[in-house]
Amino acid sequence: MAASVLTSYAMPLQMIFLEAMDVDVVRANPRTQGLHYSTQRNHTLTFAGFLQVLKHYRICPDLLSRAQVLTLFKSLGMHHPSKMEMHDFMSALAKCAILVFSSEEWDRNYPTEEQKMRLLLLWMDKNSRLFKGNGRKLCKSVEGAPAQASLSPAPHSLDRWLTLPHIEQLDTILQAAFGYYCAGDSDAITSMSFLRFLRDVGLRDGVNLRLADIDVIFHQIRGMHRAAPLPQTLCYEEFYAALGMVSSRLYTTTGSSNRCFLLFMNEYILPALAHMHHMHLPLHNYHDSWRERWQQLCTLKQILASSATKEIFDSRPTYDLSAKRYAHHLPGNVHEKDEVQPTDSTAINPGSLPPSPSKIHPITQIPTPRLDRVDSVIHLSQSDQVAQPHDLSTSNALPSQEQALELQVLEELQQLSLHLRQKLRCHPAPVCVNDMGKCFPPPPSSVRLKTALDRLAQELSASTRSSPAQDLDTTPAMPRRAKQRQPHTLRG
């Protein structure tokens, strides 16, 4: 159907095609030539000329990246692999229109190829100088559309993402990263912070997601339950739903299943979170904290790849009109034990430890599946867990490595203090007597050493008495304010 639109505007398109070529080649005035002038003269356009046309009309890079344009150019099946004729040029524009306006938002209002082609011509038009009447025909073609058809998504399409199942271990790690991208003491992120997050996980490259796609996702999620125009921010629940929409754009083969969210977490988010944690580790606890977090992420990756978790995300929610919310149907074997084999050769084996069931998130009450055989058993630190009152009363945690090191240093200092005191008692400072029979006091260094030993003994005894028996929070937390950082492409 796009062919009819291209045929009706063949003359202005031929003008664009000829003007993109070298002036020395196009001797005649294009406006006075016939419809098939370029075909009869065997005029061809190279990839550089085609790219110049798209850049002139801001199709590249605003709508398509250079890599997408190159892929489209090679897929035309032209007579000459490096040159395109007039009909190839028109076919390329039709493919550009279908590629640019092929998302769910555009398909809802402009489902036909003719409408998509008119949209692209409207983008190229610039005040109706070339394609006169195109905008009027486009508006006429969508007059019969229902009044509720707009850029907002269809009913209940966003509820699919707002009711995604929550796994508490994943929520704990995502909330830490979410707080890193919040500005100051705010509990929400702006559109720029959301864009920076997607860039840092390796998605803002023009191939996976365009800037327009990210902006549409942000405003769709934000506008679901909000009427005020400001502030334009997302809370954590909306941020979680936005990640679900992003995953559906990346993994289109999963269909209506939410398993795309699990793939997105394993292939993009978890490696990126490991990188973020690695950048903010203190030097004194660099190796141990990195190893601990890597074990957590490896185990969480196995949990997300388990069959029980996939069944939870595969279950389609049903809309409860009385409760105005979705209720997920849990599979029958959710509470059964699930054997998970290691999915990554980089997983660290700390040893065989008994698995422990994870907590249930209060949002959807979906438990994390228990693991019988895993290579990496997760051990969340105090900063990664949500402290509950009953947990604090029953926890008898052993001293951490840092606390044990501090106690060892205190013990060595006490032994050194006792050794120096014994040497002072065995070898007292000699009393100096001059010719007049007067005694001089001991040297100042001896007095200072004795005073320092007394003060050290008091401090050591006070530190020993005030040493807490419970485990302290030694895991460094991410800073609250986001900083500009270079993107990375870690793959887990």
Protein backbone atom coordinates (compact mmCIF):
# COMPACT_ATOMS: atom_id res chain seq x y z
CA MET A 1 0.00 0.00 0.00
CA ALA A 2 2.99 2.31 0.44
CA ALA A 3 3.58 1.96 -3.32
CA SER A 4 0.48 4.04 -4.09
CA VAL A 5 1.76 6.90 -1.92
CA LEU A 6 5.21 6.71 -3.49
CA THR A 7 3.72 6.70 -6.98
CA SER A 8 1.65 9.79 -6.27
CA TYR A 9 4.75 11.63 -5.07
CA ALA A 10 7.20 10.15 -7.57
CA MET A 11 8.15 13.52 -9.06
CA PRO A 12 9.24 15.27 -5.83
CA LEU A 13 11.02 12.08 -4.74
CA GLN A 14 12.86 12.04 -8.08
CA MET A 15 13.90 15.64 -7.44
CA ILE A 16 15.34 14.63 -4.08
CA PHE A 17 17.10 11.66 -5.67
CA LEU A 18 18.71 13.75 -8.43
CA GLU A 19 19.67 16.65 -6.18
CA ALA A 20 21.50 14.23 -3.88
CA MET A 21 23.81 13.34 -6.78
CA ASP A 22 26.73 15.36 -8.11
CA VAL A 23 25.67 18.52 -9.91
CA ASP A 24 28.08 17.76 -12.76
CA VAL A 25 26.27 14.49 -13.44
CA VAL A 26 22.76 15.99 -13.44
CA ARG A 27 23.03 18.37 -16.39
CA ALA A 28 19.35 19.05 -16.96
CA ASN A 29 16.86 20.73 -14.70
CA PRO A 30 15.12 17.94 -12.71
CA ARG A 31 11.88 19.92 -12.56
CA THR A 32 11.44 19.79 -16.34
CA GLN A 33 12.11 16.08 -16.81
CA GLY A 34 9.64 13.26 -17.10
CA LEU A 35 8.60 10.79 -14.48
CA HIS A 36 11.14 8.15 -15.51
CA TYR A 37 14.01 10.50 -16.28
CA SER A 38 16.42 9.06 -13.71
CA THR A 39 15.63 5.48 -14.75
CA GLN A 40 16.17 6.21 -18.44
CA ARG A 41 19.48 7.93 -17.77
CA ASN A 42 20.62 5.09 -15.43
CA HIS A 43 21.35 7.46 -12.58
CA THR A 44 22.46 5.73 -9.38
CA LEU A 45 23.03 6.85 -5.80
CA THR A 46 25.74 5.54 -3.49
CA PHE A 47 25.35 4.80 0.20
CA ALA A 48 27.03 8.10 1.06
CA GLY A 49 24.46 9.97 -1.03
CA PHE A 50 21.57 8.04 0.48
CA LEU A 51 22.91 8.74 3.98
CA GLN A 52 23.23 12.42 3.07
CA VAL A 53 19.54 12.52 2.10
CA LEU A 54 18.50 10.96 5.41
CA LYS A 55 20.71 13.35 7.36
CA HIS A 56 19.32 16.35 5.47
CA TYR A 57 15.76 15.40 6.44
CA ARG A 58 16.83 14.47 10.00
CA ILE A 59 15.79 10.85 9.57
CA CYS A 60 19.29 9.85 10.63
CA PRO A 61 20.18 9.95 13.47
CA ASP A 62 16.88 11.23 14.93
CA LEU A 63 14.76 8.29 13.78
CA LEU A 64 17.30 5.71 12.60
CA SER A 65 20.91 5.11 13.51
CA ARG A 66 23.67 4.89 10.93
CA ALA A 67 24.02 1.15 11.56
CA GLN A 68 20.32 0.65 10.85
CA VAL A 69 20.59 2.68 7.64
CA LEU A 70 23.53 0.55 6.49
CA THR A 71 21.64 -2.66 7.24
CA LEU A 72 18.62 -1.35 5.35
CA PHE A 73 20.80 -0.35 2.38
CA LYS A 74 22.34 -3.83 2.15
CA SER A 75 18.95 -5.57 2.40
CA LEU A 76 17.51 -4.00 -0.75
CA GLY A 77 18.91 -6.69 -3.07
CA MET A 78 20.03 -4.12 -5.63
CA HIS A 79 21.46 -4.77 -9.07
CA HIS A 80 24.67 -3.05 -8.01
CA PRO A 81 25.58 -3.86 -4.40
CA SER A 82 27.09 -0.41 -3.81
CA LYS A 83 24.60 1.74 -5.75
CA MET A 84 20.84 2.23 -5.77
CA GLU A 85 18.55 3.26 -8.61
CA MET A 86 15.39 5.32 -8.34
CA HIS A 87 13.08 2.41 -7.56
CA ASP A 88 15.59 1.18 -4.94
CA PHE A 89 15.52 4.64 -3.38
CA MET A 90 11.72 4.57 -3.10
CA SER A 91 11.79 1.04 -1.67
CA ALA A 92 14.34 2.18 0.91
CA LEU A 93 12.06 5.04 2.00
CA ALA A 94 9.17 2.61 2.38
CA LYS A 95 11.31 0.35 4.56
CA CYS A 96 12.40 3.35 6.61
CA ALA A 97 8.77 4.26 7.27
CA ILE A 98 7.88 0.72 8.35
CA LEU A 99 10.96 0.45 10.56
CA VAL A 100 10.50 3.82 12.28
CA PHE A 101 6.74 3.61 12.88
CA SER A 102 6.46 -0.09 13.71
CA SER A 103 6.13 0.07 17.50
CA GLU A 104 2.93 -0.59 19.40
CA GLU A 105 2.20 3.11 19.90
CA TRP A 106 2.23 3.83 16.16
CA ASP A 107 0.50 0.60 15.08
CA ARG A 108 -2.50 1.48 17.21
CA ASN A 109 -3.22 4.73 15.33
CA TYR A 110 -1.48 4.16 11.98
CA PRO A 111 -1.78 0.45 11.21
CA THR A 112 -1.39 0.53 7.41
CA GLU A 113 1.79 0.94 5.40
CA GLU A 114 0.22 3.84 3.52
CA GLN A 115 -0.27 5.80 6.74
CA LYS A 116 3.26 5.03 7.89
CA MET A 117 4.65 6.25 4.56
CA ARG A 118 2.62 9.45 4.82
CA LEU A 119 4.00 9.95 8.33
CA LEU A 120 7.55 9.75 7.00
CA LEU A 121 6.73 12.18 4.18
CA LEU A 122 5.18 14.51 6.74
CA TRP A 123 8.45 14.36 8.68
CA MET A 124 10.35 15.21 5.48
CA ASP A 125 7.83 17.78 4.29
CA LYS A 126 8.83 20.94 6.20
CA ASN A 127 5.87 23.28 5.70
CA SER A 128 4.34 21.50 2.68
CA ARG A 129 6.99 22.63 0.23
CA LEU A 130 7.40 19.24 -1.45
CA PHE A 131 4.56 16.88 -0.61
CA LYS A 132 1.53 19.14 -0.80
CA GLY A 133 -1.70 17.66 0.51
CA ASN A 134 0.05 14.79 2.27
CA GLY A 135 -0.84 16.02 5.76
CA ARG A 136 -4.50 16.52 4.82
CA LYS A 137 -4.71 13.02 3.34
CA LEU A 138 -3.07 11.56 6.43
CA CYS A 139 -5.59 13.23 8.71
CA LYS A 140 -8.44 12.07 6.49
CA SER A 141 -7.21 8.46 6.64
CA VAL A 142 -7.41 8.41 10.43
CA GLU A 143 -10.75 10.24 10.80
CA GLY A 144 -12.59 6.97 11.20
CA ALA A 145 -10.43 5.86 14.10
CA PRO A 146 -12.17 5.68 17.50
CA ALA A 147 -11.94 8.75 19.67
CA GLN A 148 -10.11 6.95 22.46
CA ALA A 149 -7.26 6.00 20.14
CA SER A 150 -4.31 8.13 21.17
CA LEU A 151 -0.68 7.74 22.02
CA SER A 152 -1.69 6.34 25.40
CA PRO A 153 -1.56 2.55 25.59
CA ALA A 154 -4.59 0.31 25.37
CA PRO A 155 -6.55 -0.53 28.55
CA HIS A 156 -4.74 -2.88 30.90
CA SER A 157 -1.60 -2.94 28.73
CA LEU A 158 0.37 -1.08 31.41
CA ASP A 159 -1.17 -3.09 34.23
CA ARG A 160 0.78 -6.05 32.91
CA TRP A 161 3.99 -4.28 33.91
CA LEU A 162 2.67 -2.60 37.05
CA THR A 163 1.76 -6.05 38.41
CA LEU A 164 5.01 -7.84 37.61
CA PRO A 165 5.99 -10.39 40.28
CA HIS A 166 8.56 -9.16 42.79
CA ILE A 167 11.44 -11.20 44.19
CA GLU A 168 12.78 -9.60 47.34
CA GLN A 169 16.45 -10.32 46.69
CA LEU A 170 16.15 -8.69 43.27
CA ASP A 171 14.19 -5.78 44.73
CA THR A 172 16.86 -5.16 47.35
CA ILE A 173 19.61 -4.86 44.75
CA LEU A 174 17.48 -2.82 42.34
CA GLN A 175 16.45 -0.41 45.10
CA ALA A 176 20.10 0.25 45.90
CA ALA A 177 20.78 1.10 42.26
CA PHE A 178 17.56 3.13 42.08
CA GLY A 179 18.70 5.20 45.06
CA TYR A 180 22.01 5.84 43.33
CA TYR A 181 20.22 7.51 40.42
CA CYS A 182 17.93 9.58 42.66
CA ALA A 183 19.08 13.17 42.97
CA GLY A 184 19.82 14.28 46.52
CA ASP A 185 17.29 13.05 49.08
CA SER A 186 14.56 12.41 46.53
CA ASP A 187 12.83 9.03 46.32
CA ALA A 188 12.16 9.27 42.57
CA ILE A 189 14.18 9.56 39.38
CA THR A 190 13.77 12.01 36.55
CA SER A 191 13.68 11.24 32.85
CA MET A 192 17.35 12.17 32.50
CA SER A 193 18.32 9.82 35.33
CA PHE A 194 16.27 7.04 33.73
CA LEU A 195 18.03 7.67 30.43
CA ARG A 196 21.40 7.62 32.19
CA PHE A 197 20.56 4.30 33.86
CA LEU A 198 19.70 2.67 30.52
CA ARG A 199 22.86 4.09 29.00
CA ASP A 200 24.96 2.69 31.84
CA VAL A 201 23.55 -0.81 31.38
CA GLY A 202 24.52 -0.68 27.70
CA LEU A 203 21.17 0.01 26.02
CA ARG A 204 21.42 3.60 24.80
CA ASP A 205 23.37 2.72 21.67
CA GLY A 206 20.82 3.56 18.98
CA VAL A 207 20.38 -0.10 17.98
CA ASN A 208 18.54 -1.65 20.92
CA LEU A 209 16.64 1.47 22.01
CA ARG A 210 16.27 4.90 20.49
CA LEU A 211 15.98 8.08 22.50
CA ALA A 212 12.37 8.44 21.37
CA ASP A 213 11.56 4.92 22.64
CA ILE A 214 12.96 5.69 26.09
CA ASP A 215 11.03 8.95 26.27
CA VAL A 216 7.77 7.24 25.25
CA ILE A 217 8.23 4.51 27.87
CA PHE A 218 8.95 7.05 30.60
CA HIS A 219 5.90 9.19 29.88
CA GLN A 220 3.60 6.20 29.42
CA ILE A 221 4.49 4.81 32.84
CA ARG A 222 4.37 8.22 34.47
CA GLY A 223 1.05 9.22 32.88
CA MET A 224 -0.77 6.04 33.90
CA HIS A 225 -2.06 7.35 37.25
CA ARG A 226 -1.02 10.99 37.21
CA ALA A 227 -2.84 14.11 36.12
CA ALA A 228 -0.41 16.84 37.15
CA PRO A 229 2.29 17.72 34.62
CA LEU A 230 4.98 18.13 37.28
CA PRO A 231 7.11 16.71 38.70
CA GLN A 232 8.13 14.36 35.91
CA THR A 233 9.57 11.57 38.03
CA LEU A 234 9.14 7.84 38.59
CA CYS A 235 8.95 6.10 41.94
CA TYR A 236 10.49 2.65 42.42
CA GLU A 237 7.33 0.72 41.49
CA GLU A 238 6.99 2.69 38.27
CA PHE A 239 10.71 2.26 37.60
CA TYR A 240 10.26 -1.52 37.98
CA ALA A 241 7.35 -1.44 35.51
CA ALA A 242 9.37 0.68 33.07
CA LEU A 243 12.10 -1.97 33.07
CA GLY A 244 9.42 -4.49 32.14
CA MET A 245 8.39 -2.39 29.14
CA VAL A 246 12.03 -2.03 28.10
CA SER A 247 12.46 -5.81 28.24
CA SER A 248 9.44 -6.30 25.97
CA ARG A 249 11.09 -4.05 23.37
CA LEU A 250 14.33 -6.04 23.48
CA TYR A 251 12.93 -9.59 23.53
CA THR A 252 10.03 -9.63 21.09
CA THR A 253 10.07 -13.42 20.64
CA THR A 254 8.66 -14.09 24.13
CA GLY A 255 5.21 -12.82 23.13
CA SER A 256 2.83 -12.10 25.99
CA SER A 257 5.02 -13.91 28.51
CA ASN A 258 6.85 -11.87 31.13
CA ARG A 259 9.91 -14.08 30.75
CA CYS A 260 11.48 -11.24 28.78
CA PHE A 261 11.92 -9.46 32.12
CA LEU A 262 14.03 -12.34 33.47
CA LEU A 263 16.20 -12.35 30.35
CA PHE A 264 16.68 -8.60 30.65
CA MET A 265 17.74 -8.91 34.29
CA ASN A 266 20.23 -11.71 33.61
CA GLU A 267 21.81 -10.30 30.46
CA TYR A 268 21.89 -6.56 31.19
CA ILE A 269 20.94 -5.46 34.70
CA LEU A 270 22.87 -7.90 36.94
CA PRO A 271 26.22 -7.45 35.12
CA ALA A 272 25.72 -3.69 35.20
CA LEU A 273 24.95 -3.73 38.94
CA ALA A 274 28.14 -5.70 39.56
CA HIS A 275 30.05 -3.03 37.67
CA MET A 276 28.41 -0.21 39.65
CA HIS A 277 29.18 -1.91 42.96
CA HIS A 278 32.78 -2.50 41.87
CA MET A 279 33.30 1.21 41.15
CA HIS A 280 32.36 2.33 44.68
CA LEU A 281 34.24 -0.21 46.80
CA PRO A 282 36.64 1.15 49.45
CA LEU A 283 40.25 0.10 49.17
CA HIS A 284 40.43 -1.52 52.61
CA ASN A 285 37.64 -3.99 51.78
CA TYR A 286 38.04 -4.19 48.03
CA HIS A 287 38.49 -7.92 47.44
CA ASP A 288 36.15 -9.35 50.08
CA SER A 289 33.22 -7.06 49.31
CA TRP A 290 33.53 -7.63 45.56
CA ARG A 291 33.66 -11.40 46.06
CA GLU A 292 30.62 -11.32 48.34
CA ARG A 293 28.55 -9.22 45.93
CA TRP A 294 29.60 -11.37 42.97
CA GLN A 295 28.43 -14.48 44.83
CA GLN A 296 25.10 -12.79 45.50
CA LEU A 297 24.61 -11.83 41.87
CA CYS A 298 25.62 -15.28 40.58
CA THR A 299 23.12 -16.95 42.89
CA LEU A 300 20.42 -14.44 42.03
CA LYS A 301 21.06 -15.17 38.36
CA GLN A 302 20.47 -18.87 39.03
CA ILE A 303 17.26 -18.05 40.90
CA LEU A 304 15.94 -16.00 38.00
CA ALA A 305 16.87 -18.77 35.55
CA SER A 306 15.14 -21.50 37.59
CA SER A 307 12.07 -23.24 36.22
CA ALA A 308 9.86 -22.25 39.16
CA THR A 309 10.62 -18.56 38.67
CA LYS A 310 9.94 -18.85 34.93
CA GLU A 311 6.55 -20.42 35.65
CA ILE A 312 5.70 -17.55 37.97
CA PHE A 313 6.50 -14.99 35.28
CA ASP A 314 4.81 -17.07 32.57
CA SER A 315 1.50 -17.14 34.44
CA ARG A 316 -0.87 -14.60 32.90
CA PRO A 317 -2.61 -12.33 35.44
CA THR A 318 -6.39 -12.02 35.53
CA TYR A 319 -7.99 -8.65 36.14
CA ASP A 320 -10.16 -8.57 39.25
CA LEU A 321 -12.82 -5.91 38.74
CA SER A 322 -13.83 -5.87 42.40
CA ALA A 323 -10.31 -5.45 43.73
CA LYS A 324 -9.08 -3.34 40.78
CA ARG A 325 -5.83 -5.23 40.63
CA TYR A 326 -4.24 -8.26 39.03
CA ALA A 327 -3.94 -11.57 40.84
CA HIS A 328 -1.19 -13.92 39.71
CA HIS A 329 -2.01 -17.62 39.66
CA LEU A 330 0.89 -19.46 41.26
CA PRO A 331 1.83 -22.82 39.72
CA GLY A 332 1.33 -25.90 41.83
CA ASN A 333 5.02 -26.69 42.23
CA VAL A 334 6.13 -23.25 43.35
CA HIS A 335 6.82 -24.46 46.88
CA GLU A 336 8.59 -27.60 45.70
CA LYS A 337 12.34 -27.81 45.67
CA ASP A 338 13.95 -26.93 42.40
CA GLU A 339 17.37 -28.13 41.35
CA VAL A 340 19.31 -25.46 39.53
CA GLN A 341 22.53 -26.18 37.75
CA PRO A 342 25.14 -23.45 37.38
CA THR A 343 24.46 -21.29 34.35
CA ASP A 344 27.73 -19.42 34.20
CA SER A 345 31.31 -20.63 34.30
CA THR A 346 32.25 -17.53 36.26
CA ALA A 347 30.21 -18.54 39.27
CA ILE A 348 32.27 -18.78 42.45
CA ASN A 349 32.03 -21.91 44.56
CA PRO A 350 32.32 -20.95 48.22
CA GLY A 351 31.51 -24.47 49.34
CA SER A 352 28.44 -26.53 50.01
CA LEU A 353 26.23 -24.60 52.41
CA PRO A 354 22.64 -25.39 53.39
CA PRO A 355 20.16 -23.33 51.40
CA SER A 356 17.80 -21.03 53.17
CA PRO A 357 14.37 -19.91 51.94
CA SER A 358 14.14 -16.30 50.98
CA LYS A 359 11.55 -13.86 52.22
CA ILE A 360 8.29 -12.99 50.52
CA HIS A 361 7.81 -9.56 49.06
CA PRO A 362 4.70 -7.87 50.46
CA ILE A 363 3.51 -6.70 47.04
CA THR A 364 2.63 -9.95 45.32
CA GLN A 365 3.45 -12.51 48.02
CA ILE A 366 5.38 -14.70 45.59
CA PRO A 367 8.15 -16.68 47.32
CA THR A 368 11.59 -17.09 45.87
CA PRO A 369 12.11 -20.77 45.00
CA ARG A 370 14.36 -22.71 47.33
CA LEU A 371 17.54 -24.13 45.89
CA ASP A 372 18.87 -27.57 46.86
CA ARG A 373 21.96 -27.71 44.69
CA VAL A 374 23.61 -24.48 43.73
CA ASP A 375 27.23 -23.59 43.32
CA SER A 376 26.85 -20.18 44.92
CA VAL A 377 24.56 -19.74 47.90
CA ILE A 378 23.51 -16.17 48.50
CA HIS A 379 24.49 -14.49 51.77
CA LEU A 380 22.99 -11.02 51.89
CA SER A 381 24.82 -8.49 54.02
CA GLN A 382 23.05 -6.24 56.47
CA SER A 383 22.97 -3.42 53.94
CA ASP A 384 21.27 -5.69 51.37
CA GLN A 385 18.53 -6.95 53.70
CA VAL A 386 15.50 -5.19 55.11
CA ALA A 387 15.90 -5.34 58.87
CA GLN A 388 12.83 -6.72 60.65
CA PRO A 389 12.25 -6.46 64.42
CA HIS A 390 12.00 -10.21 64.95
CA ASP A 391 15.18 -10.74 62.95
CA LEU A 392 17.14 -8.41 65.23
CA SER A 393 16.00 -10.21 68.34
CA THR A 394 16.96 -13.67 67.12
CA SER A 395 20.15 -12.91 65.25
CA ASN A 396 23.43 -13.99 66.85
CA ALA A 397 25.85 -13.02 64.13
CA LEU A 398 29.54 -13.64 64.51
CA PRO A 399 32.01 -10.72 64.39
CA SER A 400 32.82 -9.64 60.90
CA GLN A 401 36.25 -9.87 59.35
CA GLU A 402 36.91 -6.21 60.00
CA GLN A 403 35.92 -6.56 63.66
CA ALA A 404 38.09 -9.66 64.06
CA LEU A 405 41.02 -7.78 62.55
CA GLU A 406 40.45 -4.90 64.96
CA LEU A 407 40.44 -7.25 67.95
CA GLN A 408 43.66 -8.85 66.74
CA VAL A 409 45.34 -5.45 66.47
CA LEU A 410 44.18 -4.52 69.97
CA GLU A 411 45.60 -7.75 71.38
CA GLU A 412 48.96 -7.17 69.69
CA LEU A 413 49.10 -3.63 71.04
CA GLN A 414 48.39 -4.90 74.54
CA GLN A 415 51.24 -7.41 74.25
CA LEU A 416 53.57 -4.67 73.02
CA SER A 417 52.57 -2.44 75.91
CA LEU A 418 53.29 -5.18 78.46
CA HIS A 419 56.65 -5.92 76.84
CA LEU A 420 57.75 -2.28 77.00
CA ARG A 421 56.64 -1.97 80.61
CA GLN A 422 58.69 -5.02 81.58
CA LYS A 423 61.76 -3.57 79.89
CA LEU A 424 61.29 -0.30 81.76
CA ARG A 425 61.03 -2.12 85.07
CA CYS A 426 64.06 -4.33 84.38
CA HIS A 427 66.20 -1.45 83.16
CA PRO A 428 65.20 1.68 85.02
CA ALA A 429 66.52 4.97 83.85
CA PRO A 430 69.80 5.85 85.64
CA VAL A 431 69.79 8.73 88.10
CA CYS A 432 72.32 11.32 87.11
CA VAL A 433 74.25 13.09 89.90
CA ASN A 434 76.46 16.06 89.17
CA ASP A 435 79.53 17.31 91.05
CA MET A 436 77.39 19.34 93.41
CA GLY A 437 75.49 16.22 94.53
CA LYS A 438 72.20 17.18 92.84
CA CYS A 439 70.03 14.57 91.08
CA PHE A 440 68.72 15.16 87.60
CA PRO A 441 65.26 13.88 86.54
CA PRO A 442 65.05 11.00 84.02
CA PRO A 443 65.22 11.86 80.31
CA PRO A 444 62.05 13.35 78.77
CA SER A 445 61.84 10.50 76.24
CA SER A 446 61.45 7.98 79.06
CA VAL A 447 58.71 10.05 80.66
CA ARG A 448 56.86 10.46 77.36
CA LEU A 449 57.08 6.72 76.66
CA LYS A 450 55.66 5.86 80.07
CA THR A 451 52.85 8.40 79.67
CA ALA A 452 52.02 7.08 76.21
CA LEU A 453 51.91 3.52 77.49
CA ASP A 454 49.53 4.50 80.27
CA ARG A 455 47.23 6.29 77.85
CA LEU A 456 47.35 3.35 75.39
CA ALA A 457 46.48 0.92 78.16
CA GLN A 458 43.43 2.99 79.11
CA GLU A 459 42.23 3.25 75.52
CA LEU A 460 42.72 -0.47 74.90
CA SER A 461 40.77 -1.43 77.97
CA ALA A 462 37.96 0.96 77.03
CA SER A 463 37.86 -0.38 73.45
CA THR A 464 37.76 -3.96 74.68
CA ARG A 465 34.86 -3.25 77.04
CA SER A 466 32.85 -1.33 74.41
CA SER A 467 33.45 -3.83 71.58
CA PRO A 468 29.99 -4.89 70.27
CA ALA A 469 29.18 -8.56 69.94
CA GLN A 470 26.89 -8.17 66.94
CA ASP A 471 27.89 -7.92 63.34
CA LEU A 472 28.33 -4.43 61.96
CA ASP A 473 27.47 -3.12 58.51
CA THR A 474 30.72 -3.34 56.59
CA THR A 475 29.34 -3.40 53.05
CA PRO A 476 29.78 -0.02 51.40
CA ALA A 477 26.61 1.60 50.15
CA MET A 478 26.22 3.41 46.88
CA PRO A 479 26.08 7.21 47.05
CA ARG A 480 22.70 8.82 46.69
CA ARG A 481 23.48 11.31 43.94
CA ALA A 482 24.11 9.97 40.46
CA LYS A 483 27.34 10.90 38.73
CA GLN A 484 28.18 11.01 35.05
CA ARG A 485 29.98 7.82 34.07
CA GLN A 486 31.02 6.13 30.88
CA PRO A 487 28.73 3.38 29.55
CA HIS A 488 29.85 -0.21 29.58
CA THR A 489 28.79 -3.42 27.90
CA LEU A 490 29.23 -6.10 30.52
CA ARG A 491 27.48 -9.34 29.79
CA GLY A 492 26.91 -11.81 32.56
